[in-house]
């Protein structure tokens, strides 16, 4: 299966969001956990699309 998250991008986003510069490193397990969370959210969104008899996934489905 194709990876959704990219570790380097996660690091960049953490640096952008960490205004107080508290986080120095991002563990590899964060990428894996985030990947699973995104997949679960997408599965739920797909179920919502199906329940609403649509073929288009919208942001509101998330």
PDB file of N, CA and C in Angstrom:
ATOM      1  N   UNK A   1       0.836  -1.177   0.000  1.00  0.00           N
ATOM      2  CA  UNK A   1       0.000   0.000   0.000  1.00  0.00           C
ATOM      3  C   UNK A   1       0.890   1.253   0.000  1.00  0.00           C
ATOM      4  N   UNK A   2       0.420   2.279  -0.640  1.00  0.00           N
ATOM      5  CA  UNK A   2       1.150   3.541  -0.747  1.00  0.00           C
ATOM      6  C   UNK A   2       1.167   4.250   0.607  1.00  0.00           C
ATOM      7  N   UNK A   3       2.315   4.819   0.946  1.00  0.00           N
ATOM      8  CA  UNK A   3       2.423   5.588   2.194  1.00  0.00           C
ATOM      9  C   UNK A   3       1.802   6.966   2.000  1.00  0.00           C
ATOM     10  N   UNK A   4       1.068   7.388   3.009  1.00  0.00           N
ATOM     11  CA  UNK A   4       0.423   8.695   2.969  1.00  0.00           C
ATOM     12  C   UNK A   4       1.322   9.747   3.596  1.00  0.00           C
ATOM     13  N   UNK A   5       1.918   9.383   4.716  1.00  0.00           N
ATOM     14  CA  UNK A   5       2.761  10.331   5.444  1.00  0.00           C
ATOM     15  C   UNK A   5       4.226  10.158   5.066  1.00  0.00           C
ATOM     16  N   UNK A   6       4.972  11.228   5.145  1.00  0.00           N
ATOM     17  CA  UNK A   6       6.400  11.212   4.860  1.00  0.00           C
ATOM     18  C   UNK A   6       7.114  11.788   6.077  1.00  0.00           C
ATOM     19  N   UNK A   7       8.049  11.011   6.623  1.00  0.00           N
ATOM     20  CA  UNK A   7       8.710  11.382   7.877  1.00  0.00           C
ATOM     21  C   UNK A   7       9.317  12.785   7.819  1.00  0.00           C
ATOM     22  N   UNK A   8       9.965  13.114   6.730  1.00  0.00           N
ATOM     23  CA  UNK A   8      10.599  14.427   6.608  1.00  0.00           C
ATOM     24  C   UNK A   8       9.559  15.550   6.692  1.00  0.00           C
ATOM     25  N   UNK A   9       8.397  15.330   6.072  1.00  0.00           N
ATOM     26  CA  UNK A   9       7.341  16.340   6.135  1.00  0.00           C
ATOM     27  C   UNK A   9       6.763  16.454   7.538  1.00  0.00           C
ATOM     28  N   UNK A  10       6.670  15.335   8.248  1.00  0.00           N
ATOM     29  CA  UNK A  10       6.184  15.364   9.630  1.00  0.00           C
ATOM     30  C   UNK A  10       7.124  16.220  10.467  1.00  0.00           C
ATOM     31  N   UNK A  11       8.408  16.031  10.289  1.00  0.00           N
ATOM     32  CA  UNK A  11       9.399  16.835  11.030  1.00  0.00           C
ATOM     33  C   UNK A  11       9.227  18.324  10.746  1.00  0.00           C
ATOM     34  N   UNK A  12       9.039  18.663   9.478  1.00  0.00           N
ATOM     35  CA  UNK A  12       8.871  20.071   9.096  1.00  0.00           C
ATOM     36  C   UNK A  12       7.628  20.670   9.748  1.00  0.00           C
ATOM     37  N   UNK A  13       6.539  19.922   9.737  1.00  0.00           N
ATOM     38  CA  UNK A  13       5.292  20.413  10.320  1.00  0.00           C
ATOM     39  C   UNK A  13       5.436  20.574  11.830  1.00  0.00           C
ATOM     40  N   UNK A  14       6.094  19.617  12.476  1.00  0.00           N
ATOM     41  CA  UNK A  14       6.312  19.715  13.922  1.00  0.00           C
ATOM     42  C   UNK A  14       7.108  20.977  14.235  1.00  0.00           C
ATOM     43  N   UNK A  15       8.142  21.247  13.444  1.00  0.00           N
ATOM     44  CA  UNK A  15       8.954  22.456  13.675  1.00  0.00           C
ATOM     45  C   UNK A  15       8.123  23.724  13.492  1.00  0.00           C
ATOM     46  N   UNK A  16       7.242  23.721  12.491  1.00  0.00           N
ATOM     47  CA  UNK A  16       6.385  24.884  12.257  1.00  0.00           C
ATOM     48  C   UNK A  16       5.407  25.101  13.409  1.00  0.00           C
ATOM     49  N   UNK A  17       4.861  24.015  13.937  1.00  0.00           N
ATOM     50  CA  UNK A  17       3.844  24.106  14.987  1.00  0.00           C
ATOM     51  C   UNK A  17       4.432  24.293  16.378  1.00  0.00           C
ATOM     52  N   UNK A  18       5.679  23.903  16.553  1.00  0.00           N
ATOM     53  CA  UNK A  18       6.340  23.968  17.861  1.00  0.00           C
ATOM     54  C   UNK A  18       6.945  25.356  18.060  1.00  0.00           C
ATOM     55  N   UNK A  19       6.093  26.303  18.422  1.00  0.00           N
ATOM     56  CA  UNK A  19       6.520  27.703  18.554  1.00  0.00           C
ATOM     57  C   UNK A  19       7.586  27.909  19.624  1.00  0.00           C
ATOM     58  N   UNK A  20       7.565  27.084  20.665  1.00  0.00           N
ATOM     59  CA  UNK A  20       8.524  27.234  21.758  1.00  0.00           C
ATOM     60  C   UNK A  20       9.780  26.395  21.542  1.00  0.00           C
ATOM     61  N   UNK A  21       9.868  25.723  20.405  1.00  0.00           N
ATOM     62  CA  UNK A  21      11.031  24.910  20.038  1.00  0.00           C
ATOM     63  C   UNK A  21      11.367  23.869  21.118  1.00  0.00           C
ATOM     64  N   UNK A  22      10.351  23.137  21.540  1.00  0.00           N
ATOM     65  CA  UNK A  22      10.497  22.134  22.591  1.00  0.00           C
ATOM     66  C   UNK A  22      10.941  20.786  22.020  1.00  0.00           C
ATOM     67  N   UNK A  23      10.395  20.414  20.867  1.00  0.00           N
ATOM     68  CA  UNK A  23      10.653  19.098  20.280  1.00  0.00           C
ATOM     69  C   UNK A  23      11.908  19.150  19.414  1.00  0.00           C
ATOM     70  N   UNK A  24      12.877  18.284  19.730  1.00  0.00           N
ATOM     71  CA  UNK A  24      14.114  18.217  18.949  1.00  0.00           C
ATOM     72  C   UNK A  24      14.087  17.109  17.906  1.00  0.00           C
ATOM     73  N   UNK A  25      13.435  15.994  18.233  1.00  0.00           N
ATOM     74  CA  UNK A  25      13.406  14.839  17.344  1.00  0.00           C
ATOM     75  C   UNK A  25      12.003  14.268  17.252  1.00  0.00           C
ATOM     76  N   UNK A  26      11.757  13.566  16.147  1.00  0.00           N
ATOM     77  CA  UNK A  26      10.492  12.866  15.945  1.00  0.00           C
ATOM     78  C   UNK A  26      10.824  11.393  15.762  1.00  0.00           C
ATOM     79  N   UNK A  27      10.303  10.558  16.649  1.00  0.00           N
ATOM     80  CA  UNK A  27      10.573   9.118  16.592  1.00  0.00           C
ATOM     81  C   UNK A  27       9.899   8.499  15.371  1.00  0.00           C
ATOM     82  N   UNK A  28      10.488   7.437  14.865  1.00  0.00           N
ATOM     83  CA  UNK A  28       9.952   6.730  13.714  1.00  0.00           C
ATOM     84  C   UNK A  28       8.549   6.209  13.938  1.00  0.00           C
ATOM     85  N   UNK A  29       8.241   5.877  15.184  1.00  0.00           N
ATOM     86  CA  UNK A  29       6.915   5.350  15.491  1.00  0.00           C
ATOM     87  C   UNK A  29       5.818   6.388  15.279  1.00  0.00           C
ATOM     88  N   UNK A  30       6.173   7.671  15.291  1.00  0.00           N
ATOM     89  CA  UNK A  30       5.187   8.727  15.055  1.00  0.00           C
ATOM     90  C   UNK A  30       4.666   8.620  13.628  1.00  0.00           C
ATOM     91  N   UNK A  31       5.560   8.403  12.683  1.00  0.00           N
ATOM     92  CA  UNK A  31       5.150   8.252  11.288  1.00  0.00           C
ATOM     93  C   UNK A  31       4.199   7.077  11.139  1.00  0.00           C
ATOM     94  N   UNK A  32       4.531   5.944  11.750  1.00  0.00           N
ATOM     95  CA  UNK A  32       3.692   4.750  11.656  1.00  0.00           C
ATOM     96  C   UNK A  32       2.323   4.986  12.283  1.00  0.00           C
ATOM     97  N   UNK A  33       2.297   5.605  13.459  1.00  0.00           N
ATOM     98  CA  UNK A  33       1.037   5.864  14.157  1.00  0.00           C
ATOM     99  C   UNK A  33       0.169   6.848  13.373  1.00  0.00           C
ATOM    100  N   UNK A  34       0.806   7.877  12.826  1.00  0.00           N
ATOM    101  CA  UNK A  34       0.076   8.867  12.043  1.00  0.00           C
ATOM    102  C   UNK A  34      -0.480   8.235  10.769  1.00  0.00           C
ATOM    103  N   UNK A  35       0.303   7.392  10.154  1.00  0.00           N
ATOM    104  CA  UNK A  35      -0.129   6.673   8.953  1.00  0.00           C
ATOM    105  C   UNK A  35      -1.396   5.864   9.246  1.00  0.00           C
ATOM    106  N   UNK A  36      -1.398   5.131  10.354  1.00  0.00           N
ATOM    107  CA  UNK A  36      -2.558   4.319  10.731  1.00  0.00           C
ATOM    108  C   UNK A  36      -3.769   5.193  11.038  1.00  0.00           C
ATOM    109  N   UNK A  37      -3.540   6.297  11.729  1.00  0.00           N
ATOM    110  CA  UNK A  37      -4.634   7.206  12.079  1.00  0.00           C
ATOM    111  C   UNK A  37      -5.277   7.789  10.817  1.00  0.00           C
ATOM    112  N   UNK A  38      -4.466   8.191   9.861  1.00  0.00           N
ATOM    113  CA  UNK A  38      -4.981   8.747   8.609  1.00  0.00           C
ATOM    114  C   UNK A  38      -5.781   7.688   7.859  1.00  0.00           C
ATOM    115  N   UNK A  39      -5.266   6.467   7.800  1.00  0.00           N
ATOM    116  CA  UNK A  39      -5.981   5.387   7.109  1.00  0.00           C
ATOM    117  C   UNK A  39      -7.329   5.110   7.763  1.00  0.00           C
ATOM    118  N   UNK A  40      -7.371   5.085   9.093  1.00  0.00           N
ATOM    119  CA  UNK A  40      -8.632   4.857   9.808  1.00  0.00           C
ATOM    120  C   UNK A  40      -9.623   5.983   9.526  1.00  0.00           C
ATOM    121  N   UNK A  41      -9.152   7.215   9.532  1.00  0.00           N
ATOM    122  CA  UNK A  41     -10.023   8.355   9.236  1.00  0.00           C
ATOM    123  C   UNK A  41     -10.567   8.268   7.810  1.00  0.00           C
ATOM    124  N   UNK A  42      -9.724   7.852   6.877  1.00  0.00           N
ATOM    125  CA  UNK A  42     -10.172   7.710   5.491  1.00  0.00           C
ATOM    126  C   UNK A  42     -11.191   6.584   5.347  1.00  0.00           C
ATOM    127  N   UNK A  43     -10.999   5.487   6.062  1.00  0.00           N
ATOM    128  CA  UNK A  43     -11.971   4.383   6.026  1.00  0.00           C
ATOM    129  C   UNK A  43     -13.336   4.856   6.520  1.00  0.00           C
ATOM    130  N   UNK A  44     -13.345   5.627   7.606  1.00  0.00           N
ATOM    131  CA  UNK A  44     -14.599   6.166   8.143  1.00  0.00           C
ATOM    132  C   UNK A  44     -15.246   7.122   7.140  1.00  0.00           C
ATOM    133  N   UNK A  45     -14.434   7.935   6.501  1.00  0.00           N
ATOM    134  CA  UNK A  45     -14.947   8.886   5.519  1.00  0.00           C
ATOM    135  C   UNK A  45     -15.541   8.158   4.313  1.00  0.00           C
ATOM    136  N   UNK A  46     -14.897   7.098   3.887  1.00  0.00           N
ATOM    137  CA  UNK A  46     -15.404   6.305   2.763  1.00  0.00           C
ATOM    138  C   UNK A  46     -16.745   5.678   3.130  1.00  0.00           C
ATOM    139  N   UNK A  47     -16.866   5.191   4.354  1.00  0.00           N
ATOM    140  CA  UNK A  47     -18.134   4.620   4.818  1.00  0.00           C
ATOM    141  C   UNK A  47     -19.233   5.682   4.802  1.00  0.00           C
ATOM    142  N   UNK A  48     -18.882   6.905   5.166  1.00  0.00           N
ATOM    143  CA  UNK A  48     -19.858   8.004   5.159  1.00  0.00           C
ATOM    144  C   UNK A  48     -20.305   8.320   3.732  1.00  0.00           C
ATOM    145  N   UNK A  49     -19.362   8.317   2.794  1.00  0.00           N
ATOM    146  CA  UNK A  49     -19.692   8.554   1.389  1.00  0.00           C
ATOM    147  C   UNK A  49     -20.667   7.481   0.913  1.00  0.00           C
ATOM    148  N   UNK A  50     -20.368   6.250   1.238  1.00  0.00           N
ATOM    149  CA  UNK A  50     -21.220   5.125   0.835  1.00  0.00           C
ATOM    150  C   UNK A  50     -22.612   5.254   1.453  1.00  0.00           C
ATOM    151  N   UNK A  51     -22.665   5.591   2.749  1.00  0.00           N
ATOM    152  CA  UNK A  51     -23.949   5.728   3.444  1.00  0.00           C
ATOM    153  C   UNK A  51     -24.804   6.843   2.842  1.00  0.00           C
ATOM    154  N   UNK A  52     -24.148   7.861   2.323  1.00  0.00           N
ATOM    155  CA  UNK A  52     -24.859   8.983   1.706  1.00  0.00           C
ATOM    156  C   UNK A  52     -25.045   8.796   0.200  1.00  0.00           C
ATOM    157  N   UNK A  53     -24.731   7.613  -0.275  1.00  0.00           N
ATOM    158  CA  UNK A  53     -24.900   7.239  -1.689  1.00  0.00           C
ATOM    159  C   UNK A  53     -24.263   8.255  -2.637  1.00  0.00           C
ATOM    160  N   UNK A  54     -23.034   8.618  -2.310  1.00  0.00           N
ATOM    161  CA  UNK A  54     -22.254   9.516  -3.159  1.00  0.00           C
ATOM    162  C   UNK A  54     -21.041   8.775  -3.677  1.00  0.00           C
ATOM    163  N   UNK A  55     -20.360   9.393  -4.628  1.00  0.00           N
ATOM    164  CA  UNK A  55     -19.134   8.814  -5.162  1.00  0.00           C
ATOM    165  C   UNK A  55     -17.943   9.750  -4.972  1.00  0.00           C
ATOM    166  N   UNK A  56     -18.180  10.883  -4.332  1.00  0.00           N
ATOM    167  CA  UNK A  56     -17.129  11.874  -4.124  1.00  0.00           C
ATOM    168  C   UNK A  56     -16.857  12.031  -2.635  1.00  0.00           C
ATOM    169  N   UNK A  57     -15.589  11.978  -2.269  1.00  0.00           N
ATOM    170  CA  UNK A  57     -15.154  12.178  -0.886  1.00  0.00           C
ATOM    171  C   UNK A  57     -14.886  13.666  -0.680  1.00  0.00           C
ATOM    172  N   UNK A  58     -15.581  14.254   0.292  1.00  0.00           N
ATOM    173  CA  UNK A  58     -15.419  15.671   0.602  1.00  0.00           C
ATOM    174  C   UNK A  58     -14.735  15.829   1.952  1.00  0.00           C
ATOM    175  N   UNK A  59     -14.220  17.019   2.207  1.00  0.00           N
ATOM    176  CA  UNK A  59     -13.589  17.309   3.494  1.00  0.00           C
ATOM    177  C   UNK A  59     -14.575  17.106   4.636  1.00  0.00           C
ATOM    178  N   UNK A  60     -15.829  17.392   4.406  1.00  0.00           N
ATOM    179  CA  UNK A  60     -16.846  17.230   5.456  1.00  0.00           C
ATOM    180  C   UNK A  60     -17.018  15.774   5.877  1.00  0.00           C
ATOM    181  N   UNK A  61     -16.581  14.836   5.043  1.00  0.00           N
ATOM    182  CA  UNK A  61     -16.667  13.412   5.381  1.00  0.00           C
ATOM    183  C   UNK A  61     -15.619  13.016   6.411  1.00  0.00           C
ATOM    184  N   UNK A  62     -14.603  13.827   6.552  1.00  0.00           N
ATOM    185  CA  UNK A  62     -13.558  13.542   7.525  1.00  0.00           C
ATOM    186  C   UNK A  62     -14.011  13.968   8.895  1.00  0.00           C
TER     187      UNK A  62
END
